[in-house]
Amino acid sequence: MGVSLGSTSGTAAAASGAGAAASGTAAGEPLVELPLPGGGVLGWSLAGAAAVTPVVDGATATYRQVLPGTDLELVARPDGVKETLILASPQAGSAWVFPLAMQG
């Protein structure tokens, strides 16, 4: 299956072989949700993230200034989602917490 990100009702959605979805903002909800076998869902967020809307370009959603001096890039892949933190300077954070949420 092809991998792409698009915007639907303010939500950035990632279509991949794993069925991943990315959230419309970086704060208050999981950044990514992945369906699990048996109907459950695994999601994760970035603690302290600002409520920024991603810039979506094909399979990539970029949350600019999600934390001070830090951008977050999510790339939909056939096997899930790859996240990358892009640090603008040495003063950007050096520790991050990704809380997990499970349903089902």
PDB file of N, CA and C in Angstrom:
ATOM      1  N   MET A   1       0.843  -1.176   0.000  1.00  0.00           N
ATOM      2  CA  MET A   1       0.000   0.000   0.000  1.00  0.00           C
ATOM      3  C   MET A   1       0.886   1.235   0.000  1.00  0.00           C
ATOM      4  N   GLY A   2       0.501   2.285  -0.729  1.00  0.00           N
ATOM      5  CA  GLY A   2       1.260   3.524  -0.742  1.00  0.00           C
ATOM      6  C   GLY A   2       1.187   4.233   0.589  1.00  0.00           C
ATOM      7  N   VAL A   3       2.159   5.036   0.866  1.00  0.00           N
ATOM      8  CA  VAL A   3       2.233   5.768   2.118  1.00  0.00           C
ATOM      9  C   VAL A   3       2.029   7.244   1.830  1.00  0.00           C
ATOM     10  N   SER A   4       1.098   7.881   2.533  1.00  0.00           N
ATOM     11  CA  SER A   4       0.879   9.316   2.338  1.00  0.00           C
ATOM     12  C   SER A   4       0.266   9.918   3.593  1.00  0.00           C
ATOM     13  N   LEU A   5       0.394  11.218   3.714  1.00  0.00           N
ATOM     14  CA  LEU A   5      -0.264  11.967   4.778  1.00  0.00           C
ATOM     15  C   LEU A   5      -1.167  12.977   4.112  1.00  0.00           C
ATOM     16  N   GLY A   6      -2.314  13.185   4.697  1.00  0.00           N
ATOM     17  CA  GLY A   6      -3.231  14.180   4.166  1.00  0.00           C
ATOM     18  C   GLY A   6      -3.970  14.825   5.305  1.00  0.00           C
ATOM     19  N   SER A   7      -4.742  15.859   5.017  1.00  0.00           N
ATOM     20  CA  SER A   7      -5.485  16.561   6.050  1.00  0.00           C
ATOM     21  C   SER A   7      -6.966  16.305   5.859  1.00  0.00           C
ATOM     22  N   THR A   8      -7.625  15.813   6.907  1.00  0.00           N
ATOM     23  CA  THR A   8      -9.051  15.548   6.879  1.00  0.00           C
ATOM     24  C   THR A   8      -9.669  16.151   8.127  1.00  0.00           C
ATOM     25  N   SER A   9     -10.528  17.139   7.967  1.00  0.00           N
ATOM     26  CA  SER A   9     -11.196  17.791   9.104  1.00  0.00           C
ATOM     27  C   SER A   9     -10.197  18.257  10.151  1.00  0.00           C
ATOM     28  N   GLY A  10      -9.092  18.838   9.731  1.00  0.00           N
ATOM     29  CA  GLY A  10      -8.111  19.356  10.668  1.00  0.00           C
ATOM     30  C   GLY A  10      -7.182  18.311  11.247  1.00  0.00           C
ATOM     31  N   THR A  11      -7.294  17.087  10.801  1.00  0.00           N
ATOM     32  CA  THR A  11      -6.445  16.022  11.316  1.00  0.00           C
ATOM     33  C   THR A  11      -5.524  15.524  10.218  1.00  0.00           C
ATOM     34  N   ALA A  12      -4.254  15.409  10.523  1.00  0.00           N
ATOM     35  CA  ALA A  12      -3.309  14.834   9.567  1.00  0.00           C
ATOM     36  C   ALA A  12      -3.397  13.325   9.696  1.00  0.00           C
ATOM     37  N   ALA A  13      -3.697  12.646   8.623  1.00  0.00           N
ATOM     38  CA  ALA A  13      -3.854  11.193   8.679  1.00  0.00           C
ATOM     39  C   ALA A  13      -2.778  10.525   7.849  1.00  0.00           C
ATOM     40  N   ALA A  14      -2.147   9.525   8.401  1.00  0.00           N
ATOM     41  CA  ALA A  14      -1.111   8.782   7.691  1.00  0.00           C
ATOM     42  C   ALA A  14      -1.678   7.452   7.248  1.00  0.00           C
ATOM     43  N   ALA A  15      -1.574   7.155   5.984  1.00  0.00           N
ATOM     44  CA  ALA A  15      -2.003   5.859   5.478  1.00  0.00           C
ATOM     45  C   ALA A  15      -0.760   5.029   5.208  1.00  0.00           C
ATOM     46  N   SER A  16      -0.667   3.894   5.840  1.00  0.00           N
ATOM     47  CA  SER A  16       0.485   3.022   5.607  1.00  0.00           C
ATOM     48  C   SER A  16       0.031   1.586   5.719  1.00  0.00           C
ATOM     49  N   GLY A  17       0.921   0.680   5.418  1.00  0.00           N
ATOM     50  CA  GLY A  17       0.605  -0.728   5.561  1.00  0.00           C
ATOM     51  C   GLY A  17       0.226  -1.068   6.992  1.00  0.00           C
ATOM     52  N   ALA A  18       0.707  -0.293   7.950  1.00  0.00           N
ATOM     53  CA  ALA A  18       0.385  -0.532   9.354  1.00  0.00           C
ATOM     54  C   ALA A  18      -0.878   0.194   9.769  1.00  0.00           C
ATOM     55  N   GLY A  19      -1.452   1.050   8.903  1.00  0.00           N
ATOM     56  CA  GLY A  19      -2.674   1.758   9.228  1.00  0.00           C
ATOM     57  C   GLY A  19      -2.485   2.869  10.235  1.00  0.00           C
ATOM     58  N   ALA A  20      -1.325   3.475  10.294  1.00  0.00           N
ATOM     59  CA  ALA A  20      -1.022   4.508  11.281  1.00  0.00           C
ATOM     60  C   ALA A  20      -1.781   5.789  10.988  1.00  0.00           C
ATOM     61  N   ALA A  21      -2.056   6.576  12.032  1.00  0.00           N
ATOM     62  CA  ALA A  21      -2.676   7.887  11.873  1.00  0.00           C
ATOM     63  C   ALA A  21      -1.942   8.880  12.749  1.00  0.00           C
ATOM     64  N   ALA A  22      -1.708  10.087  12.231  1.00  0.00           N
ATOM     65  CA  ALA A  22      -1.050  11.160  12.986  1.00  0.00           C
ATOM     66  C   ALA A  22      -2.092  12.201  13.357  1.00  0.00           C
ATOM     67  N   SER A  23      -1.924  12.835  14.526  1.00  0.00           N
ATOM     68  CA  SER A  23      -2.916  13.785  15.007  1.00  0.00           C
ATOM     69  C   SER A  23      -2.812  15.124  14.311  1.00  0.00           C
ATOM     70  N   GLY A  24      -3.874  15.945  14.466  1.00  0.00           N
ATOM     71  CA  GLY A  24      -3.934  17.257  13.854  1.00  0.00           C
ATOM     72  C   GLY A  24      -3.164  18.323  14.601  1.00  0.00           C
ATOM     73  N   THR A  25      -2.900  18.135  15.890  1.00  0.00           N
ATOM     74  CA  THR A  25      -2.038  19.037  16.638  1.00  0.00           C
ATOM     75  C   THR A  25      -1.125  18.199  17.520  1.00  0.00           C
ATOM     76  N   ALA A  26      -0.101  18.833  18.067  1.00  0.00           N
ATOM     77  CA  ALA A  26       0.887  18.080  18.842  1.00  0.00           C
ATOM     78  C   ALA A  26       0.535  17.973  20.319  1.00  0.00           C
ATOM     79  N   ALA A  27      -0.472  18.712  20.797  1.00  0.00           N
ATOM     80  CA  ALA A  27      -0.776  18.728  22.235  1.00  0.00           C
ATOM     81  C   ALA A  27      -2.132  18.087  22.521  1.00  0.00           C
ATOM     82  N   GLY A  28      -2.218  17.404  23.655  1.00  0.00           N
ATOM     83  CA  GLY A  28      -3.490  16.948  24.165  1.00  0.00           C
ATOM     84  C   GLY A  28      -4.027  15.629  23.653  1.00  0.00           C
ATOM     85  N   GLU A  29      -3.464  15.087  22.617  1.00  0.00           N
ATOM     86  CA  GLU A  29      -3.910  13.812  22.083  1.00  0.00           C
ATOM     87  C   GLU A  29      -2.687  13.058  21.563  1.00  0.00           C
ATOM     88  N   PRO A  30      -2.818  11.746  21.356  1.00  0.00           N
ATOM     89  CA  PRO A  30      -1.655  11.039  20.814  1.00  0.00           C
ATOM     90  C   PRO A  30      -1.210  11.622  19.475  1.00  0.00           C
ATOM     91  N   LEU A  31       0.086  11.741  19.291  1.00  0.00           N
ATOM     92  CA  LEU A  31       0.641  12.178  18.006  1.00  0.00           C
ATOM     93  C   LEU A  31       0.422  11.123  16.942  1.00  0.00           C
ATOM     94  N   VAL A  32       0.532   9.863  17.347  1.00  0.00           N
ATOM     95  CA  VAL A  32       0.424   8.741  16.418  1.00  0.00           C
ATOM     96  C   VAL A  32      -0.412   7.653  17.069  1.00  0.00           C
ATOM     97  N   GLU A  33      -1.255   7.007  16.285  1.00  0.00           N
ATOM     98  CA  GLU A  33      -1.986   5.827  16.730  1.00  0.00           C
ATOM     99  C   GLU A  33      -1.786   4.716  15.710  1.00  0.00           C
ATOM    100  N   LEU A  34      -1.476   3.528  16.212  1.00  0.00           N
ATOM    101  CA  LEU A  34      -1.271   2.348  15.366  1.00  0.00           C
ATOM    102  C   LEU A  34      -2.258   1.272  15.786  1.00  0.00           C
ATOM    103  N   PRO A  35      -2.980   0.678  14.839  1.00  0.00           N
ATOM    104  CA  PRO A  35      -3.870  -0.433  15.196  1.00  0.00           C
ATOM    105  C   PRO A  35      -3.059  -1.669  15.563  1.00  0.00           C
ATOM    106  N   LEU A  36      -3.554  -2.401  16.548  1.00  0.00           N
ATOM    107  CA  LEU A  36      -2.907  -3.639  16.983  1.00  0.00           C
ATOM    108  C   LEU A  36      -3.743  -4.837  16.560  1.00  0.00           C
ATOM    109  N   PRO A  37      -3.114  -5.988  16.404  1.00  0.00           N
ATOM    110  CA  PRO A  37      -3.899  -7.198  16.117  1.00  0.00           C
ATOM    111  C   PRO A  37      -4.921  -7.405  17.235  1.00  0.00           C
ATOM    112  N   GLY A  38      -6.108  -7.796  16.876  1.00  0.00           N
ATOM    113  CA  GLY A  38      -7.140  -8.026  17.878  1.00  0.00           C
ATOM    114  C   GLY A  38      -7.980  -6.789  18.161  1.00  0.00           C
ATOM    115  N   GLY A  39      -7.735  -5.681  17.455  1.00  0.00           N
ATOM    116  CA  GLY A  39      -8.598  -4.520  17.589  1.00  0.00           C
ATOM    117  C   GLY A  39      -8.123  -3.424  18.521  1.00  0.00           C
ATOM    118  N   GLY A  40      -7.024  -3.598  19.200  1.00  0.00           N
ATOM    119  CA  GLY A  40      -6.517  -2.558  20.085  1.00  0.00           C
ATOM    120  C   GLY A  40      -5.804  -1.463  19.316  1.00  0.00           C
ATOM    121  N   VAL A  41      -5.458  -0.407  20.034  1.00  0.00           N
ATOM    122  CA  VAL A  41      -4.748   0.721  19.440  1.00  0.00           C
ATOM    123  C   VAL A  41      -3.625   1.140  20.383  1.00  0.00           C
ATOM    124  N   LEU A  42      -2.438   1.367  19.834  1.00  0.00           N
ATOM    125  CA  LEU A  42      -1.298   1.888  20.576  1.00  0.00           C
ATOM    126  C   LEU A  42      -1.033   3.295  20.076  1.00  0.00           C
ATOM    127  N   GLY A  43      -0.949   4.248  20.995  1.00  0.00           N
ATOM    128  CA  GLY A  43      -0.661   5.621  20.611  1.00  0.00           C
ATOM    129  C   GLY A  43       0.431   6.198  21.478  1.00  0.00           C
ATOM    130  N   TRP A  44       1.055   7.265  20.986  1.00  0.00           N
ATOM    131  CA  TRP A  44       2.037   7.960  21.807  1.00  0.00           C
ATOM    132  C   TRP A  44       1.988   9.443  21.518  1.00  0.00           C
ATOM    133  N   SER A  45       2.415  10.208  22.522  1.00  0.00           N
ATOM    134  CA  SER A  45       2.443  11.661  22.416  1.00  0.00           C
ATOM    135  C   SER A  45       3.823  12.144  22.856  1.00  0.00           C
ATOM    136  N   LEU A  46       4.028  13.454  22.806  1.00  0.00           N
ATOM    137  CA  LEU A  46       5.272  14.066  23.246  1.00  0.00           C
ATOM    138  C   LEU A  46       4.938  14.974  24.417  1.00  0.00           C
ATOM    139  N   ALA A  47       5.431  14.645  25.605  1.00  0.00           N
ATOM    140  CA  ALA A  47       5.129  15.427  26.805  1.00  0.00           C
ATOM    141  C   ALA A  47       5.587  16.864  26.639  1.00  0.00           C
ATOM    142  N   GLY A  48       4.700  17.814  26.995  1.00  0.00           N
ATOM    143  CA  GLY A  48       5.028  19.229  26.942  1.00  0.00           C
ATOM    144  C   GLY A  48       4.915  19.861  25.570  1.00  0.00           C
ATOM    145  N   ALA A  49       4.405  19.111  24.586  1.00  0.00           N
ATOM    146  CA  ALA A  49       4.326  19.615  23.214  1.00  0.00           C
ATOM    147  C   ALA A  49       3.364  20.795  23.110  1.00  0.00           C
ATOM    148  N   ALA A  50       3.730  21.763  22.273  1.00  0.00           N
ATOM    149  CA  ALA A  50       2.867  22.904  21.980  1.00  0.00           C
ATOM    150  C   ALA A  50       1.751  22.457  21.038  1.00  0.00           C
ATOM    151  N   ALA A  51       0.647  23.172  21.057  1.00  0.00           N
ATOM    152  CA  ALA A  51      -0.500  22.853  20.201  1.00  0.00           C
ATOM    153  C   ALA A  51      -0.270  23.411  18.797  1.00  0.00           C
ATOM    154  N   VAL A  52       0.707  22.851  18.113  1.00  0.00           N
ATOM    155  CA  VAL A  52       1.014  23.294  16.751  1.00  0.00           C
ATOM    156  C   VAL A  52       0.401  22.324  15.746  1.00  0.00           C
ATOM    157  N   THR A  53      -0.017  22.852  14.613  1.00  0.00           N
ATOM    158  CA  THR A  53      -0.580  22.053  13.529  1.00  0.00           C
ATOM    159  C   THR A  53       0.556  21.653  12.595  1.00  0.00           C
ATOM    160  N   PRO A  54       0.573  20.400  12.134  1.00  0.00           N
ATOM    161  CA  PRO A  54       1.682  19.979  11.283  1.00  0.00           C
ATOM    162  C   PRO A  54       1.605  20.559   9.879  1.00  0.00           C
ATOM    163  N   VAL A  55       2.764  20.692   9.268  1.00  0.00           N
ATOM    164  CA  VAL A  55       2.878  20.973   7.843  1.00  0.00           C
ATOM    165  C   VAL A  55       2.999  19.602   7.185  1.00  0.00           C
ATOM    166  N   VAL A  56       2.052  19.265   6.315  1.00  0.00           N
ATOM    167  CA  VAL A  56       2.015  17.936   5.707  1.00  0.00           C
ATOM    168  C   VAL A  56       2.510  18.012   4.274  1.00  0.00           C
ATOM    169  N   ASP A  57       3.460  17.128   3.957  1.00  0.00           N
ATOM    170  CA  ASP A  57       4.017  17.041   2.608  1.00  0.00           C
ATOM    171  C   ASP A  57       4.165  15.566   2.264  1.00  0.00           C
ATOM    172  N   GLY A  58       3.199  15.017   1.531  1.00  0.00           N
ATOM    173  CA  GLY A  58       3.234  13.603   1.174  1.00  0.00           C
ATOM    174  C   GLY A  58       3.177  12.730   2.407  1.00  0.00           C
ATOM    175  N   ALA A  59       4.199  11.929   2.623  1.00  0.00           N
ATOM    176  CA  ALA A  59       4.241  10.991   3.751  1.00  0.00           C
ATOM    177  C   ALA A  59       4.826  11.606   5.018  1.00  0.00           C
ATOM    178  N   THR A  60       5.089  12.912   5.002  1.00  0.00           N
ATOM    179  CA  THR A  60       5.762  13.559   6.137  1.00  0.00           C
ATOM    180  C   THR A  60       4.888  14.637   6.767  1.00  0.00           C
ATOM    181  N   ALA A  61       4.766  14.594   8.080  1.00  0.00           N
ATOM    182  CA  ALA A  61       4.098  15.654   8.845  1.00  0.00           C
ATOM    183  C   ALA A  61       5.154  16.270   9.759  1.00  0.00           C
ATOM    184  N   THR A  62       5.343  17.580   9.656  1.00  0.00           N
ATOM    185  CA  THR A  62       6.339  18.270  10.472  1.00  0.00           C
ATOM    186  C   THR A  62       5.645  19.230  11.421  1.00  0.00           C
ATOM    187  N   TYR A  63       5.879  19.040  12.719  1.00  0.00           N
ATOM    188  CA  TYR A  63       5.346  19.902  13.771  1.00  0.00           C
ATOM    189  C   TYR A  63       6.463  20.872  14.156  1.00  0.00           C
ATOM    190  N   ARG A  64       6.417  22.095  13.623  1.00  0.00           N
ATOM    191  CA  ARG A  64       7.478  23.085  13.862  1.00  0.00           C
ATOM    192  C   ARG A  64       7.338  23.684  15.260  1.00  0.00           C
ATOM    193  N   GLN A  65       8.475  23.841  15.924  1.00  0.00           N
ATOM    194  CA  GLN A  65       8.528  24.421  17.274  1.00  0.00           C
ATOM    195  C   GLN A  65       7.579  23.707  18.245  1.00  0.00           C
ATOM    196  N   VAL A  66       7.541  22.373  18.144  1.00  0.00           N
ATOM    197  CA  VAL A  66       6.708  21.569  19.034  1.00  0.00           C
ATOM    198  C   VAL A  66       7.182  21.711  20.487  1.00  0.00           C
ATOM    199  N   LEU A  67       8.471  21.913  20.650  1.00  0.00           N
ATOM    200  CA  LEU A  67       9.116  22.274  21.922  1.00  0.00           C
ATOM    201  C   LEU A  67      10.098  23.395  21.578  1.00  0.00           C
ATOM    202  N   PRO A  68      10.530  24.197  22.553  1.00  0.00           N
ATOM    203  CA  PRO A  68      11.464  25.282  22.241  1.00  0.00           C
ATOM    204  C   PRO A  68      12.702  24.777  21.487  1.00  0.00           C
ATOM    205  N   GLY A  69      12.934  25.360  20.304  1.00  0.00           N
ATOM    206  CA  GLY A  69      14.098  24.987  19.510  1.00  0.00           C
ATOM    207  C   GLY A  69      14.034  23.597  18.914  1.00  0.00           C
ATOM    208  N   THR A  70      12.835  22.989  18.874  1.00  0.00           N
ATOM    209  CA  THR A  70      12.703  21.596  18.436  1.00  0.00           C
ATOM    210  C   THR A  70      11.519  21.418  17.492  1.00  0.00           C
ATOM    211  N   ASP A  71      11.764  20.800  16.339  1.00  0.00           N
ATOM    212  CA  ASP A  71      10.707  20.380  15.421  1.00  0.00           C
ATOM    213  C   ASP A  71      10.582  18.865  15.533  1.00  0.00           C
ATOM    214  N   LEU A  72       9.382  18.365  15.284  1.00  0.00           N
ATOM    215  CA  LEU A  72       9.132  16.924  15.250  1.00  0.00           C
ATOM    216  C   LEU A  72       8.666  16.557  13.861  1.00  0.00           C
ATOM    217  N   GLU A  73       9.318  15.561  13.270  1.00  0.00           N
ATOM    218  CA  GLU A  73       8.948  15.080  11.940  1.00  0.00           C
ATOM    219  C   GLU A  73       8.452  13.642  12.056  1.00  0.00           C
ATOM    220  N   LEU A  74       7.259  13.375  11.522  1.00  0.00           N
ATOM    221  CA  LEU A  74       6.704  12.025  11.473  1.00  0.00           C
ATOM    222  C   LEU A  74       6.611  11.609  10.017  1.00  0.00           C
ATOM    223  N   VAL A  75       7.121  10.432   9.703  1.00  0.00           N
ATOM    224  CA  VAL A  75       7.077   9.918   8.338  1.00  0.00           C
ATOM    225  C   VAL A  75       6.321   8.594   8.360  1.00  0.00           C
ATOM    226  N   ALA A  76       5.231   8.525   7.587  1.00  0.00           N
ATOM    227  CA  ALA A  76       4.474   7.284   7.458  1.00  0.00           C
ATOM    228  C   ALA A  76       5.264   6.314   6.599  1.00  0.00           C
ATOM    229  N   ARG A  77       5.392   5.088   7.104  1.00  0.00           N
ATOM    230  CA  ARG A  77       6.119   4.041   6.389  1.00  0.00           C
ATOM    231  C   ARG A  77       5.231   2.815   6.311  1.00  0.00           C
ATOM    232  N   PRO A  78       5.518   1.890   5.404  1.00  0.00           N
ATOM    233  CA  PRO A  78       4.685   0.692   5.302  1.00  0.00           C
ATOM    234  C   PRO A  78       4.613  -0.106   6.604  1.00  0.00           C
ATOM    235  N   ASP A  79       5.650  -0.018   7.435  1.00  0.00           N
ATOM    236  CA  ASP A  79       5.685  -0.787   8.671  1.00  0.00           C
ATOM    237  C   ASP A  79       5.351   0.049   9.902  1.00  0.00           C
ATOM    238  N   GLY A  80       4.904   1.288   9.731  1.00  0.00           N
ATOM    239  CA  GLY A  80       4.564   2.128  10.880  1.00  0.00           C
ATOM    240  C   GLY A  80       4.924   3.572  10.643  1.00  0.00           C
ATOM    241  N   VAL A  81       5.457   4.210  11.671  1.00  0.00           N
ATOM    242  CA  VAL A  81       5.792   5.632  11.612  1.00  0.00           C
ATOM    243  C   VAL A  81       7.196   5.836  12.176  1.00  0.00           C
ATOM    244  N   LYS A  82       7.991   6.656  11.495  1.00  0.00           N
ATOM    245  CA  LYS A  82       9.335   7.020  11.967  1.00  0.00           C
ATOM    246  C   LYS A  82       9.277   8.442  12.485  1.00  0.00           C
ATOM    247  N   GLU A  83       9.708   8.664  13.732  1.00  0.00           N
ATOM    248  CA  GLU A  83       9.749  10.024  14.251  1.00  0.00           C
ATOM    249  C   GLU A  83      11.188  10.498  14.357  1.00  0.00           C
ATOM    250  N   THR A  84      11.373  11.795  14.079  1.00  0.00           N
ATOM    251  CA  THR A  84      12.683  12.418  14.170  1.00  0.00           C
ATOM    252  C   THR A  84      12.531  13.748  14.874  1.00  0.00           C
ATOM    253  N   LEU A  85      13.355  14.002  15.883  1.00  0.00           N
ATOM    254  CA  LEU A  85      13.407  15.306  16.533  1.00  0.00           C
ATOM    255  C   LEU A  85      14.528  16.102  15.882  1.00  0.00           C
ATOM    256  N   ILE A  86      14.211  17.307  15.441  1.00  0.00           N
ATOM    257  CA  ILE A  86      15.185  18.169  14.771  1.00  0.00           C
ATOM    258  C   ILE A  86      15.496  19.321  15.713  1.00  0.00           C
ATOM    259  N   LEU A  87      16.739  19.370  16.202  1.00  0.00           N
ATOM    260  CA  LEU A  87      17.151  20.368  17.187  1.00  0.00           C
ATOM    261  C   LEU A  87      17.795  21.555  16.480  1.00  0.00           C
ATOM    262  N   ALA A  88      17.305  22.766  16.798  1.00  0.00           N
ATOM    263  CA  ALA A  88      17.782  23.974  16.125  1.00  0.00           C
ATOM    264  C   ALA A  88      19.099  24.491  16.708  1.00  0.00           C
ATOM    265  N   SER A  89      19.403  24.128  17.947  1.00  0.00           N
ATOM    266  CA  SER A  89      20.625  24.635  18.565  1.00  0.00           C
ATOM    267  C   SER A  89      21.004  23.747  19.749  1.00  0.00           C
ATOM    268  N   PRO A  90      22.205  23.938  20.277  1.00  0.00           N
ATOM    269  CA  PRO A  90      22.619  23.174  21.461  1.00  0.00           C
ATOM    270  C   PRO A  90      21.755  23.482  22.692  1.00  0.00           C
ATOM    271  N   GLN A  91      21.036  24.606  22.683  1.00  0.00           N
ATOM    272  CA  GLN A  91      20.189  24.968  23.810  1.00  0.00           C
ATOM    273  C   GLN A  91      18.833  24.246  23.778  1.00  0.00           C
ATOM    274  N   ALA A  92      18.514  23.569  22.681  1.00  0.00           N
ATOM    275  CA  ALA A  92      17.270  22.789  22.611  1.00  0.00           C
ATOM    276  C   ALA A  92      17.354  21.678  23.648  1.00  0.00           C
ATOM    277  N   GLY A  93      16.228  21.093  23.970  1.00  0.00           N
ATOM    278  CA  GLY A  93      16.181  20.043  24.988  1.00  0.00           C
ATOM    279  C   GLY A  93      17.119  18.883  24.710  1.00  0.00           C
ATOM    280  N   SER A  94      17.389  18.115  25.749  1.00  0.00           N
ATOM    281  CA  SER A  94      18.247  16.945  25.597  1.00  0.00           C
ATOM    282  C   SER A  94      17.606  15.688  26.166  1.00  0.00           C
ATOM    283  N   ALA A  95      16.349  15.811  26.633  1.00  0.00           N
ATOM    284  CA  ALA A  95      15.608  14.654  27.140  1.00  0.00           C
ATOM    285  C   ALA A  95      14.146  14.832  26.756  1.00  0.00           C
ATOM    286  N   TRP A  96      13.505  13.761  26.326  1.00  0.00           N
ATOM    287  CA  TRP A  96      12.122  13.815  25.883  1.00  0.00           C
ATOM    288  C   TRP A  96      11.377  12.631  26.449  1.00  0.00           C
ATOM    289  N   VAL A  97      10.080  12.846  26.708  1.00  0.00           N
ATOM    290  CA  VAL A  97       9.216  11.785  27.223  1.00  0.00           C
ATOM    291  C   VAL A  97       8.095  11.572  26.214  1.00  0.00           C
ATOM    292  N   PHE A  98       7.897  10.312  25.809  1.00  0.00           N
ATOM    293  CA  PHE A  98       6.850   9.937  24.881  1.00  0.00           C
ATOM    294  C   PHE A  98       5.868   9.020  25.623  1.00  0.00           C
ATOM    295  N   PRO A  99       4.849   9.600  26.276  1.00  0.00           N
ATOM    296  CA  PRO A  99       3.863   8.765  26.993  1.00  0.00           C
ATOM    297  C   PRO A  99       3.104   7.851  26.021  1.00  0.00           C
ATOM    298  N   LEU A 100       2.895   6.617  26.441  1.00  0.00           N
ATOM    299  CA  LEU A 100       2.143   5.638  25.641  1.00  0.00           C
ATOM    300  C   LEU A 100       0.702   5.577  26.110  1.00  0.00           C
ATOM    301  N   ALA A 101      -0.204   5.333  25.181  1.00  0.00           N
ATOM    302  CA  ALA A 101      -1.619   5.119  25.496  1.00  0.00           C
ATOM    303  C   ALA A 101      -2.079   3.880  24.740  1.00  0.00           C
ATOM    304  N   MET A 102      -2.768   2.981  25.440  1.00  0.00           N
ATOM    305  CA  MET A 102      -3.271   1.771  24.793  1.00  0.00           C
ATOM    306  C   MET A 102      -4.764   1.659  25.013  1.00  0.00           C
ATOM    307  N   GLN A 103      -5.466   1.215  23.974  1.00  0.00           N
ATOM    308  CA  GLN A 103      -6.896   0.945  24.040  1.00  0.00           C
ATOM    309  C   GLN A 103      -7.134  -0.476  23.582  1.00  0.00           C
ATOM    310  N   GLY A 104      -8.044  -1.135  24.231  1.00  0.00           N
ATOM    311  CA  GLY A 104      -8.429  -2.477  23.808  1.00  0.00           C
ATOM    312  C   GLY A 104      -7.601  -3.583  24.346  1.00  0.00           C
TER     313      GLY A 104
END
